[in-house]
């Protein structure tokens, strides 16, 4: 699916890339008074998702942890050299 473009000044790393596991809609990022959050994109033809907003820092840290687990070991890197 094509990204519809950034809205506002803040760029969100996972905007329109990740999906809600409950409603299967893309997540969008937005700024609130208490911080930055991801939430499900609304769909006028379906019921609103009951999942709460997810802090941007939480999803970004989970992505960072995933990338760390995907890194090849030093032993493998030495073998490839």
N, C-alpha and C. Protein backbone atom coordinates (compact mmCIF):
# COMPACT_ATOMS: atom_id res chain seq x y z
N UNK A 1 0.84 -1.18 0.00
CA UNK A 1 0.00 0.00 0.00
C UNK A 1 0.88 1.24 0.00
N UNK A 2 0.44 2.24 -0.67
CA UNK A 2 1.21 3.47 -0.76
C UNK A 2 1.00 4.34 0.47
N UNK A 3 2.07 4.98 0.91
CA UNK A 3 1.97 5.92 2.01
C UNK A 3 1.29 7.18 1.49
N UNK A 4 0.41 7.74 2.30
CA UNK A 4 -0.32 8.93 1.88
C UNK A 4 0.46 10.21 2.13
N UNK A 5 1.65 10.11 2.68
CA UNK A 5 2.47 11.28 2.93
C UNK A 5 2.39 11.73 4.37
N UNK A 6 3.40 12.41 4.81
CA UNK A 6 3.44 12.89 6.19
C UNK A 6 2.51 14.08 6.37
N UNK A 7 1.88 14.12 7.52
CA UNK A 7 1.06 15.27 7.88
C UNK A 7 1.74 15.92 9.07
N UNK A 8 1.91 17.20 9.02
CA UNK A 8 2.57 17.90 10.11
C UNK A 8 4.08 17.88 9.95
N UNK A 9 4.76 18.40 10.96
CA UNK A 9 6.21 18.53 10.90
C UNK A 9 6.95 17.29 11.38
N UNK A 10 6.34 16.53 12.26
CA UNK A 10 7.00 15.37 12.87
C UNK A 10 6.90 14.15 11.96
N UNK A 11 8.02 13.49 11.76
CA UNK A 11 8.03 12.26 10.97
C UNK A 11 8.05 11.08 11.94
N UNK A 12 7.16 10.12 11.73
CA UNK A 12 7.07 8.94 12.58
C UNK A 12 7.64 7.75 11.82
N UNK A 13 8.59 7.08 12.44
CA UNK A 13 9.32 5.97 11.81
C UNK A 13 8.40 4.87 11.29
N UNK A 14 7.38 4.50 12.06
CA UNK A 14 6.53 3.36 11.71
C UNK A 14 5.17 3.75 11.15
N UNK A 15 4.95 5.01 10.89
CA UNK A 15 3.66 5.47 10.39
C UNK A 15 3.31 4.77 9.08
N UNK A 16 2.13 4.18 9.03
CA UNK A 16 1.59 3.50 7.86
C UNK A 16 2.37 2.25 7.46
N UNK A 17 3.27 1.79 8.32
CA UNK A 17 4.02 0.57 8.05
C UNK A 17 3.53 -0.56 8.93
N UNK A 18 3.21 -0.26 10.17
CA UNK A 18 2.76 -1.29 11.11
C UNK A 18 1.23 -1.29 11.18
N UNK A 19 0.71 -2.46 11.55
CA UNK A 19 -0.74 -2.67 11.60
C UNK A 19 -1.16 -3.09 13.00
N UNK A 20 -2.37 -2.74 13.37
CA UNK A 20 -2.97 -3.16 14.63
C UNK A 20 -3.30 -4.65 14.53
N UNK A 21 -2.94 -5.42 15.56
CA UNK A 21 -3.24 -6.85 15.56
C UNK A 21 -4.71 -7.13 15.79
N UNK A 22 -5.44 -6.18 16.33
CA UNK A 22 -6.85 -6.38 16.64
C UNK A 22 -7.75 -6.06 15.44
N UNK A 23 -7.57 -4.87 14.86
CA UNK A 23 -8.47 -4.45 13.77
C UNK A 23 -7.83 -4.52 12.39
N UNK A 24 -6.53 -4.80 12.31
CA UNK A 24 -5.79 -4.93 11.06
C UNK A 24 -5.74 -3.64 10.25
N UNK A 25 -5.85 -2.51 10.92
CA UNK A 25 -5.70 -1.21 10.25
C UNK A 25 -4.30 -0.68 10.48
N UNK A 26 -3.85 0.15 9.55
CA UNK A 26 -2.54 0.78 9.70
C UNK A 26 -2.56 1.74 10.89
N UNK A 27 -1.37 1.91 11.48
CA UNK A 27 -1.23 2.87 12.57
C UNK A 27 -0.69 4.19 12.03
N UNK A 28 -1.14 5.26 12.63
CA UNK A 28 -0.65 6.59 12.28
C UNK A 28 -0.05 7.21 13.53
N UNK A 29 0.85 8.13 13.36
CA UNK A 29 1.48 8.80 14.49
C UNK A 29 0.89 10.17 14.69
N UNK A 30 0.82 10.59 15.95
CA UNK A 30 0.34 11.93 16.23
C UNK A 30 0.90 12.44 17.55
N UNK A 31 0.99 13.76 17.64
CA UNK A 31 1.46 14.43 18.84
C UNK A 31 0.26 14.78 19.71
N UNK A 32 0.38 14.49 21.00
CA UNK A 32 -0.61 14.87 22.00
C UNK A 32 0.10 15.69 23.07
N UNK A 33 -0.66 16.28 23.96
CA UNK A 33 -0.05 17.07 25.03
C UNK A 33 0.87 16.23 25.91
N UNK A 34 0.50 14.97 26.11
CA UNK A 34 1.29 14.10 27.00
C UNK A 34 2.37 13.33 26.27
N UNK A 35 2.53 13.51 24.97
CA UNK A 35 3.58 12.81 24.24
C UNK A 35 3.17 12.44 22.83
N UNK A 36 3.98 11.60 22.21
CA UNK A 36 3.74 11.14 20.84
C UNK A 36 3.21 9.71 20.89
N UNK A 37 2.22 9.44 20.05
CA UNK A 37 1.55 8.14 20.08
C UNK A 37 1.23 7.64 18.68
N UNK A 38 1.11 6.31 18.58
CA UNK A 38 0.54 5.68 17.39
C UNK A 38 -0.88 5.26 17.73
N UNK A 39 -1.76 5.32 16.75
CA UNK A 39 -3.13 4.86 16.93
C UNK A 39 -3.63 4.30 15.60
N UNK A 40 -4.70 3.53 15.67
CA UNK A 40 -5.29 2.95 14.46
C UNK A 40 -5.93 4.04 13.62
N UNK A 41 -5.78 3.92 12.32
CA UNK A 41 -6.47 4.85 11.42
C UNK A 41 -7.96 4.56 11.46
N UNK A 42 -8.78 5.58 11.53
CA UNK A 42 -10.23 5.35 11.57
C UNK A 42 -10.75 4.85 10.22
N UNK A 43 -11.83 4.10 10.29
CA UNK A 43 -12.51 3.62 9.10
C UNK A 43 -14.00 3.91 9.29
N UNK A 44 -14.57 4.78 8.46
CA UNK A 44 -15.98 5.15 8.66
C UNK A 44 -16.95 3.99 8.45
N UNK A 45 -16.49 2.92 7.82
CA UNK A 45 -17.36 1.78 7.53
C UNK A 45 -17.28 0.67 8.58
N UNK A 46 -16.38 0.84 9.55
CA UNK A 46 -16.21 -0.18 10.58
C UNK A 46 -16.24 0.46 11.96
N UNK A 47 -16.47 -0.38 12.96
CA UNK A 47 -16.49 0.09 14.34
C UNK A 47 -15.09 0.56 14.76
N UNK A 48 -15.04 1.57 15.63
CA UNK A 48 -13.77 2.09 16.11
C UNK A 48 -13.03 1.02 16.90
N UNK A 49 -11.72 0.94 16.69
CA UNK A 49 -10.89 -0.04 17.40
C UNK A 49 -10.84 0.31 18.88
N UNK A 50 -10.89 -0.70 19.71
CA UNK A 50 -10.90 -0.49 21.16
C UNK A 50 -9.48 -0.41 21.75
N UNK A 51 -8.46 -0.61 20.93
CA UNK A 51 -7.09 -0.57 21.43
C UNK A 51 -6.69 0.86 21.80
N UNK A 52 -5.92 1.01 22.88
CA UNK A 52 -5.49 2.36 23.28
C UNK A 52 -4.36 2.87 22.38
N UNK A 53 -4.07 4.13 22.55
CA UNK A 53 -2.92 4.71 21.86
C UNK A 53 -1.67 4.01 22.38
N UNK A 54 -0.67 3.89 21.51
CA UNK A 54 0.59 3.25 21.89
C UNK A 54 1.69 4.31 21.83
N UNK A 55 2.46 4.50 22.91
CA UNK A 55 3.53 5.49 22.87
C UNK A 55 4.56 5.17 21.77
N UNK A 56 4.97 6.21 21.06
CA UNK A 56 5.95 6.05 19.99
C UNK A 56 7.23 5.41 20.53
N UNK A 57 7.68 5.84 21.70
CA UNK A 57 8.92 5.31 22.27
C UNK A 57 8.83 3.80 22.49
N UNK A 58 7.66 3.29 22.85
CA UNK A 58 7.50 1.86 23.09
C UNK A 58 7.68 1.06 21.80
N UNK A 59 7.00 1.45 20.74
CA UNK A 59 7.14 0.72 19.47
C UNK A 59 8.53 0.88 18.88
N UNK A 60 9.09 2.08 18.97
CA UNK A 60 10.43 2.29 18.44
C UNK A 60 11.46 1.44 19.19
N UNK A 61 11.31 1.30 20.52
CA UNK A 61 12.25 0.47 21.28
C UNK A 61 12.07 -1.01 20.95
N UNK A 62 10.84 -1.44 20.69
CA UNK A 62 10.61 -2.83 20.29
C UNK A 62 11.26 -3.11 18.93
N UNK A 63 11.18 -2.15 18.02
CA UNK A 63 11.81 -2.31 16.71
C UNK A 63 13.33 -2.37 16.86
N UNK A 64 13.89 -1.54 17.72
CA UNK A 64 15.33 -1.55 17.97
C UNK A 64 15.77 -2.90 18.53
N UNK A 65 14.99 -3.45 19.46
CA UNK A 65 15.32 -4.76 20.04
C UNK A 65 15.25 -5.86 18.98
N UNK A 66 14.29 -5.77 18.07
CA UNK A 66 14.18 -6.74 16.99
C UNK A 66 15.41 -6.68 16.08
N UNK A 67 15.83 -5.47 15.72
CA UNK A 67 17.02 -5.32 14.88
C UNK A 67 18.26 -5.88 15.57
N UNK A 68 18.37 -5.69 16.87
CA UNK A 68 19.52 -6.23 17.60
C UNK A 68 19.55 -7.75 17.54
N UNK A 69 18.37 -8.37 17.64
CA UNK A 69 18.31 -9.84 17.56
C UNK A 69 18.63 -10.35 16.17
N UNK A 70 18.42 -9.53 15.15
CA UNK A 70 18.69 -9.94 13.78
C UNK A 70 20.15 -9.77 13.36
N UNK A 71 20.93 -9.12 14.19
CA UNK A 71 22.33 -8.90 13.86
C UNK A 71 23.09 -10.23 13.88
N UNK A 72 23.92 -10.46 12.89
CA UNK A 72 24.72 -11.69 12.89
C UNK A 72 25.76 -11.65 14.02
N UNK A 73 26.13 -12.81 14.50
CA UNK A 73 27.12 -12.89 15.58
C UNK A 73 28.49 -12.46 15.05
N UNK A 74 29.36 -12.09 15.97
CA UNK A 74 30.73 -11.70 15.58
C UNK A 74 31.45 -12.88 14.93
N UNK A 75 31.17 -14.07 15.45
CA UNK A 75 31.80 -15.26 14.90
C UNK A 75 31.41 -15.45 13.42
N UNK A 76 30.14 -15.26 13.12
CA UNK A 76 29.68 -15.39 11.75
C UNK A 76 30.30 -14.30 10.86
N UNK A 77 30.38 -13.09 11.38
CA UNK A 77 30.97 -12.00 10.60
C UNK A 77 32.44 -12.29 10.29
N UNK A 78 33.16 -12.82 11.26
CA UNK A 78 34.56 -13.18 11.04
C UNK A 78 34.68 -14.30 10.00
N UNK A 79 33.79 -15.24 10.07
CA UNK A 79 33.79 -16.35 9.11
C UNK A 79 33.54 -15.83 7.70
N UNK A 80 32.65 -14.87 7.56
CA UNK A 80 32.33 -14.31 6.24
C UNK A 80 33.46 -13.48 5.67
N UNK A 81 34.31 -12.92 6.53
CA UNK A 81 35.45 -12.13 6.04
C UNK A 81 36.41 -13.03 5.32
